[in-house]
Amino acid sequence: MPQHHAIDYIELPVEDLAAARDFYAGAFGWTFNEYGPSYAGIRNHAGDGEVGGLNALPSDAVRGAGPLVLLYSDDLDATHDAVVAAGGAIVEPPADFPGGRRFTFTDPAGNQLGVWAS
């Protein structure tokens, strides 16, 4: 069960989704949930849920990009407001995705993170 404001999910930017799936499956035995041509969820080894995802992006967006750390929130709107009040800059406002809603922001040092809620 996700915990409020805990690191919960990591997205890795990749250019070639199939090649990335093959690499991580071969190197670490990872298995995936397929969400179309641009996203694959990394299944939890324990068998329940996902721990991260492979996010296919254009090559110019992948180069220099790091993993996207996602925190979980019991109340996405309140967390959004707290991020703004603390000095964070919203990159993508709250929006629906197949697992719930999420937004992304940068902290004052420029690190980009996301927050999601089911």
N, C-alpha and C. Protein backbone atom coordinates (compact mmCIF):
# COMPACT_ATOMS: atom_id res chain seq x y z
N MET A 1 0.84 -1.18 0.00
CA MET A 1 0.00 0.00 0.00
C MET A 1 0.88 1.25 0.00
N PRO A 2 0.64 2.17 -0.91
CA PRO A 2 1.45 3.39 -0.95
C PRO A 2 1.32 4.18 0.35
N GLN A 3 2.40 4.87 0.69
CA GLN A 3 2.41 5.70 1.89
C GLN A 3 2.47 7.17 1.49
N HIS A 4 1.66 7.97 2.17
CA HIS A 4 1.55 9.40 1.89
C HIS A 4 2.92 10.08 1.94
N HIS A 5 3.26 10.76 0.86
CA HIS A 5 4.48 11.55 0.67
C HIS A 5 5.76 10.73 0.70
N ALA A 6 5.67 9.43 0.49
CA ALA A 6 6.86 8.57 0.39
C ALA A 6 7.22 8.38 -1.08
N ILE A 7 8.51 8.17 -1.35
CA ILE A 7 8.92 7.82 -2.71
C ILE A 7 8.27 6.49 -3.04
N ASP A 8 7.59 6.45 -4.20
CA ASP A 8 6.76 5.29 -4.51
C ASP A 8 7.03 4.69 -5.88
N TYR A 9 7.62 5.43 -6.80
CA TYR A 9 7.68 4.98 -8.19
C TYR A 9 8.81 5.74 -8.88
N ILE A 10 9.51 5.08 -9.78
CA ILE A 10 10.59 5.72 -10.54
C ILE A 10 10.35 5.48 -12.03
N GLU A 11 10.36 6.53 -12.83
CA GLU A 11 10.25 6.39 -14.28
C GLU A 11 11.60 6.64 -14.93
N LEU A 12 12.00 5.73 -15.81
CA LEU A 12 13.25 5.87 -16.53
C LEU A 12 12.97 6.32 -17.96
N PRO A 13 13.55 7.44 -18.40
CA PRO A 13 13.36 7.86 -19.79
C PRO A 13 14.19 6.99 -20.72
N VAL A 14 13.58 6.53 -21.81
CA VAL A 14 14.28 5.67 -22.78
C VAL A 14 13.93 6.12 -24.19
N GLU A 15 14.85 5.90 -25.12
CA GLU A 15 14.57 6.20 -26.52
C GLU A 15 13.83 5.06 -27.19
N ASP A 16 14.27 3.83 -26.93
CA ASP A 16 13.74 2.64 -27.59
C ASP A 16 13.13 1.74 -26.52
N LEU A 17 11.82 1.74 -26.44
CA LEU A 17 11.13 1.00 -25.38
C LEU A 17 11.42 -0.50 -25.46
N ALA A 18 11.38 -1.07 -26.65
CA ALA A 18 11.62 -2.51 -26.79
C ALA A 18 13.04 -2.87 -26.35
N ALA A 19 14.01 -2.08 -26.76
CA ALA A 19 15.41 -2.36 -26.37
C ALA A 19 15.59 -2.22 -24.86
N ALA A 20 14.94 -1.23 -24.26
CA ALA A 20 15.04 -1.05 -22.81
C ALA A 20 14.39 -2.22 -22.07
N ARG A 21 13.21 -2.65 -22.53
CA ARG A 21 12.57 -3.81 -21.90
C ARG A 21 13.48 -5.02 -21.99
N ASP A 22 14.05 -5.26 -23.17
CA ASP A 22 14.94 -6.41 -23.35
C ASP A 22 16.14 -6.33 -22.42
N PHE A 23 16.73 -5.15 -22.30
CA PHE A 23 17.90 -4.98 -21.44
C PHE A 23 17.56 -5.30 -19.99
N TYR A 24 16.52 -4.66 -19.45
CA TYR A 24 16.19 -4.83 -18.04
C TYR A 24 15.66 -6.23 -17.74
N ALA A 25 14.98 -6.83 -18.70
CA ALA A 25 14.53 -8.22 -18.51
C ALA A 25 15.74 -9.15 -18.46
N GLY A 26 16.68 -8.95 -19.37
CA GLY A 26 17.87 -9.80 -19.42
C GLY A 26 18.82 -9.58 -18.26
N ALA A 27 19.04 -8.33 -17.89
CA ALA A 27 20.01 -8.02 -16.84
C ALA A 27 19.48 -8.30 -15.44
N PHE A 28 18.19 -8.03 -15.21
CA PHE A 28 17.65 -8.09 -13.85
C PHE A 28 16.42 -8.98 -13.70
N GLY A 29 15.94 -9.53 -14.80
CA GLY A 29 14.75 -10.38 -14.73
C GLY A 29 13.46 -9.61 -14.55
N TRP A 30 13.49 -8.31 -14.86
CA TRP A 30 12.28 -7.50 -14.70
C TRP A 30 11.20 -7.95 -15.68
N THR A 31 9.95 -7.84 -15.26
CA THR A 31 8.80 -8.07 -16.13
C THR A 31 7.98 -6.78 -16.17
N PHE A 32 7.11 -6.69 -17.18
CA PHE A 32 6.47 -5.41 -17.45
C PHE A 32 4.98 -5.54 -17.70
N ASN A 33 4.27 -4.46 -17.39
CA ASN A 33 2.89 -4.27 -17.83
C ASN A 33 2.96 -3.34 -19.03
N GLU A 34 2.35 -3.73 -20.12
CA GLU A 34 2.40 -2.94 -21.35
C GLU A 34 1.24 -1.95 -21.40
N TYR A 35 1.57 -0.68 -21.66
CA TYR A 35 0.56 0.37 -21.76
C TYR A 35 0.58 1.06 -23.12
N GLY A 36 0.99 0.37 -24.14
CA GLY A 36 1.03 0.96 -25.47
C GLY A 36 2.45 1.15 -25.94
N PRO A 37 2.62 1.88 -27.04
CA PRO A 37 3.94 1.98 -27.67
C PRO A 37 4.94 2.87 -26.95
N SER A 38 4.50 3.62 -25.92
CA SER A 38 5.44 4.55 -25.31
C SER A 38 5.62 4.36 -23.80
N TYR A 39 5.03 3.30 -23.22
CA TYR A 39 5.17 3.13 -21.78
C TYR A 39 5.03 1.67 -21.38
N ALA A 40 5.90 1.26 -20.47
CA ALA A 40 5.82 -0.07 -19.88
C ALA A 40 6.05 0.05 -18.38
N GLY A 41 5.13 -0.47 -17.59
CA GLY A 41 5.27 -0.45 -16.14
C GLY A 41 6.18 -1.57 -15.68
N ILE A 42 7.06 -1.28 -14.74
CA ILE A 42 7.97 -2.29 -14.19
C ILE A 42 7.24 -2.98 -13.03
N ARG A 43 6.98 -4.27 -13.19
CA ARG A 43 6.26 -5.02 -12.16
C ARG A 43 7.12 -5.20 -10.91
N ASN A 44 6.47 -5.15 -9.78
CA ASN A 44 7.12 -5.40 -8.51
C ASN A 44 7.52 -6.87 -8.44
N HIS A 45 8.77 -7.15 -8.05
CA HIS A 45 9.21 -8.54 -7.92
C HIS A 45 8.36 -9.30 -6.92
N ALA A 46 7.80 -8.61 -5.93
CA ALA A 46 6.96 -9.26 -4.92
C ALA A 46 5.62 -9.72 -5.50
N GLY A 47 5.32 -9.27 -6.72
CA GLY A 47 4.13 -9.73 -7.40
C GLY A 47 2.92 -8.82 -7.31
N ASP A 48 3.00 -7.75 -6.54
CA ASP A 48 1.85 -6.85 -6.43
C ASP A 48 2.22 -5.45 -6.89
N GLY A 49 1.52 -4.96 -7.89
CA GLY A 49 1.72 -3.60 -8.36
C GLY A 49 2.98 -3.39 -9.18
N GLU A 50 3.35 -2.13 -9.26
CA GLU A 50 4.52 -1.71 -10.03
C GLU A 50 5.43 -0.88 -9.16
N VAL A 51 6.70 -0.87 -9.50
CA VAL A 51 7.69 -0.05 -8.79
C VAL A 51 8.22 1.09 -9.65
N GLY A 52 7.92 1.05 -10.93
CA GLY A 52 8.41 2.08 -11.83
C GLY A 52 7.93 1.84 -13.24
N GLY A 53 8.53 2.59 -14.16
CA GLY A 53 8.13 2.47 -15.55
C GLY A 53 9.22 2.91 -16.49
N LEU A 54 9.12 2.45 -17.72
CA LEU A 54 9.98 2.89 -18.82
C LEU A 54 9.14 3.82 -19.68
N ASN A 55 9.59 5.06 -19.84
CA ASN A 55 8.83 6.08 -20.55
C ASN A 55 9.58 6.46 -21.82
N ALA A 56 9.05 6.04 -22.97
CA ALA A 56 9.69 6.33 -24.25
C ALA A 56 9.48 7.80 -24.60
N LEU A 57 10.60 8.48 -24.81
CA LEU A 57 10.60 9.91 -25.15
C LEU A 57 11.45 10.13 -26.39
N PRO A 58 11.28 11.25 -27.07
CA PRO A 58 12.16 11.56 -28.20
C PRO A 58 13.62 11.61 -27.73
N SER A 59 14.54 11.27 -28.61
CA SER A 59 15.96 11.17 -28.23
C SER A 59 16.50 12.46 -27.62
N ASP A 60 16.06 13.62 -28.09
CA ASP A 60 16.57 14.87 -27.53
C ASP A 60 16.06 15.09 -26.11
N ALA A 61 14.94 14.50 -25.74
CA ALA A 61 14.42 14.62 -24.38
C ALA A 61 15.07 13.62 -23.43
N VAL A 62 15.55 12.50 -23.97
CA VAL A 62 16.16 11.46 -23.14
C VAL A 62 17.58 11.85 -22.74
N ARG A 63 18.34 12.39 -23.67
CA ARG A 63 19.74 12.74 -23.38
C ARG A 63 19.80 13.77 -22.27
N GLY A 64 20.51 13.42 -21.22
CA GLY A 64 20.67 14.32 -20.09
C GLY A 64 19.53 14.26 -19.08
N ALA A 65 18.46 13.57 -19.44
CA ALA A 65 17.34 13.45 -18.50
C ALA A 65 17.66 12.34 -17.50
N GLY A 66 17.24 12.52 -16.30
CA GLY A 66 17.42 11.49 -15.30
C GLY A 66 16.10 10.81 -14.99
N PRO A 67 16.13 9.84 -14.10
CA PRO A 67 14.89 9.20 -13.69
C PRO A 67 13.94 10.21 -13.05
N LEU A 68 12.66 9.98 -13.21
CA LEU A 68 11.64 10.81 -12.58
C LEU A 68 11.18 10.10 -11.32
N VAL A 69 11.45 10.69 -10.17
CA VAL A 69 11.02 10.14 -8.89
C VAL A 69 9.59 10.60 -8.62
N LEU A 70 8.73 9.64 -8.28
CA LEU A 70 7.34 9.96 -7.99
C LEU A 70 7.01 9.62 -6.54
N LEU A 71 6.38 10.57 -5.87
CA LEU A 71 5.90 10.37 -4.51
C LEU A 71 4.40 10.10 -4.57
N TYR A 72 3.90 9.44 -3.55
CA TYR A 72 2.47 9.18 -3.48
C TYR A 72 1.82 10.20 -2.55
N SER A 73 0.57 10.55 -2.82
CA SER A 73 -0.17 11.47 -1.96
C SER A 73 -1.58 10.93 -1.71
N ASP A 74 -2.02 11.05 -0.47
CA ASP A 74 -3.41 10.73 -0.14
C ASP A 74 -4.35 11.83 -0.62
N ASP A 75 -3.83 13.04 -0.83
CA ASP A 75 -4.64 14.19 -1.25
C ASP A 75 -3.82 15.02 -2.24
N LEU A 76 -3.97 14.70 -3.52
CA LEU A 76 -3.14 15.31 -4.56
C LEU A 76 -3.27 16.84 -4.59
N ASP A 77 -4.48 17.34 -4.46
CA ASP A 77 -4.67 18.79 -4.53
C ASP A 77 -3.99 19.50 -3.36
N ALA A 78 -4.09 18.94 -2.16
CA ALA A 78 -3.42 19.55 -1.01
C ALA A 78 -1.91 19.49 -1.17
N THR A 79 -1.39 18.39 -1.70
CA THR A 79 0.06 18.29 -1.92
C THR A 79 0.50 19.29 -2.97
N HIS A 80 -0.26 19.43 -4.04
CA HIS A 80 0.03 20.42 -5.08
C HIS A 80 0.14 21.80 -4.46
N ASP A 81 -0.84 22.17 -3.64
CA ASP A 81 -0.83 23.49 -3.01
C ASP A 81 0.36 23.66 -2.07
N ALA A 82 0.73 22.59 -1.35
CA ALA A 82 1.87 22.65 -0.44
C ALA A 82 3.18 22.82 -1.21
N VAL A 83 3.31 22.14 -2.36
CA VAL A 83 4.51 22.28 -3.20
C VAL A 83 4.64 23.72 -3.66
N VAL A 84 3.56 24.31 -4.14
CA VAL A 84 3.58 25.70 -4.61
C VAL A 84 3.92 26.64 -3.46
N ALA A 85 3.28 26.44 -2.31
CA ALA A 85 3.52 27.31 -1.15
C ALA A 85 4.96 27.24 -0.66
N ALA A 86 5.59 26.06 -0.84
CA ALA A 86 6.97 25.88 -0.39
C ALA A 86 7.99 26.40 -1.40
N GLY A 87 7.54 26.84 -2.57
CA GLY A 87 8.45 27.40 -3.56
C GLY A 87 8.72 26.52 -4.75
N GLY A 88 7.99 25.41 -4.89
CA GLY A 88 8.14 24.56 -6.06
C GLY A 88 7.46 25.17 -7.27
N ALA A 89 7.95 24.82 -8.45
CA ALA A 89 7.36 25.31 -9.70
C ALA A 89 6.68 24.15 -10.41
N ILE A 90 5.42 24.30 -10.73
CA ILE A 90 4.66 23.24 -11.39
C ILE A 90 5.09 23.15 -12.85
N VAL A 91 5.48 21.96 -13.28
CA VAL A 91 5.87 21.70 -14.67
C VAL A 91 4.66 21.19 -15.45
N GLU A 92 3.95 20.22 -14.88
CA GLU A 92 2.72 19.68 -15.48
C GLU A 92 1.66 19.68 -14.39
N PRO A 93 0.55 20.37 -14.61
CA PRO A 93 -0.50 20.43 -13.58
C PRO A 93 -1.16 19.06 -13.39
N PRO A 94 -1.93 18.89 -12.32
CA PRO A 94 -2.60 17.61 -12.10
C PRO A 94 -3.40 17.18 -13.33
N ALA A 95 -3.22 15.92 -13.70
CA ALA A 95 -3.91 15.36 -14.86
C ALA A 95 -4.14 13.87 -14.62
N ASP A 96 -5.17 13.36 -15.27
CA ASP A 96 -5.49 11.94 -15.16
C ASP A 96 -4.51 11.11 -15.99
N PHE A 97 -4.24 9.90 -15.51
CA PHE A 97 -3.52 8.87 -16.26
C PHE A 97 -4.17 7.55 -15.87
N PRO A 98 -3.85 6.43 -16.55
CA PRO A 98 -4.59 5.19 -16.29
C PRO A 98 -4.62 4.73 -14.82
N GLY A 99 -3.65 5.11 -14.00
CA GLY A 99 -3.64 4.67 -12.61
C GLY A 99 -4.17 5.68 -11.61
N GLY A 100 -4.55 6.87 -12.06
CA GLY A 100 -5.04 7.90 -11.14
C GLY A 100 -4.81 9.29 -11.69
N ARG A 101 -4.23 10.17 -10.86
CA ARG A 101 -3.89 11.53 -11.27
C ARG A 101 -2.48 11.82 -10.79
N ARG A 102 -1.81 12.77 -11.49
CA ARG A 102 -0.47 13.16 -11.05
C ARG A 102 -0.11 14.54 -11.58
N PHE A 103 0.92 15.13 -10.95
CA PHE A 103 1.51 16.37 -11.45
C PHE A 103 3.02 16.26 -11.29
N THR A 104 3.74 17.11 -12.03
CA THR A 104 5.19 17.17 -11.87
C THR A 104 5.57 18.59 -11.51
N PHE A 105 6.71 18.71 -10.82
CA PHE A 105 7.18 20.01 -10.36
C PHE A 105 8.70 20.00 -10.29
N THR A 106 9.28 21.19 -10.16
CA THR A 106 10.70 21.29 -9.86
C THR A 106 10.83 21.91 -8.48
N ASP A 107 11.84 21.41 -7.75
CA ASP A 107 12.14 21.98 -6.44
C ASP A 107 13.03 23.20 -6.65
N PRO A 108 13.36 23.96 -5.61
CA PRO A 108 14.17 25.16 -5.79
C PRO A 108 15.56 24.90 -6.38
N ALA A 109 16.07 23.67 -6.29
CA ALA A 109 17.36 23.34 -6.89
C ALA A 109 17.24 22.91 -8.34
N GLY A 110 16.01 22.82 -8.86
CA GLY A 110 15.80 22.45 -10.26
C GLY A 110 15.55 20.97 -10.48
N ASN A 111 15.50 20.17 -9.42
CA ASN A 111 15.19 18.74 -9.57
C ASN A 111 13.72 18.57 -9.91
N GLN A 112 13.44 17.73 -10.92
CA GLN A 112 12.06 17.49 -11.28
C GLN A 112 11.57 16.20 -10.62
N LEU A 113 10.42 16.29 -9.97
CA LEU A 113 9.78 15.16 -9.32
C LEU A 113 8.31 15.16 -9.69
N GLY A 114 7.63 14.09 -9.35
CA GLY A 114 6.21 14.02 -9.57
C GLY A 114 5.51 13.51 -8.32
N VAL A 115 4.21 13.76 -8.27
CA VAL A 115 3.37 13.26 -7.19
C VAL A 115 2.14 12.65 -7.85
N TRP A 116 1.73 11.47 -7.36
CA TRP A 116 0.56 10.82 -7.91
C TRP A 116 -0.39 10.38 -6.80
N ALA A 117 -1.64 10.18 -7.18
CA ALA A 117 -2.67 9.67 -6.28
C ALA A 117 -3.55 8.73 -7.06
N SER A 118 -4.08 7.73 -6.37
CA SER A 118 -4.97 6.78 -7.05
C SER A 118 -6.40 7.29 -7.02
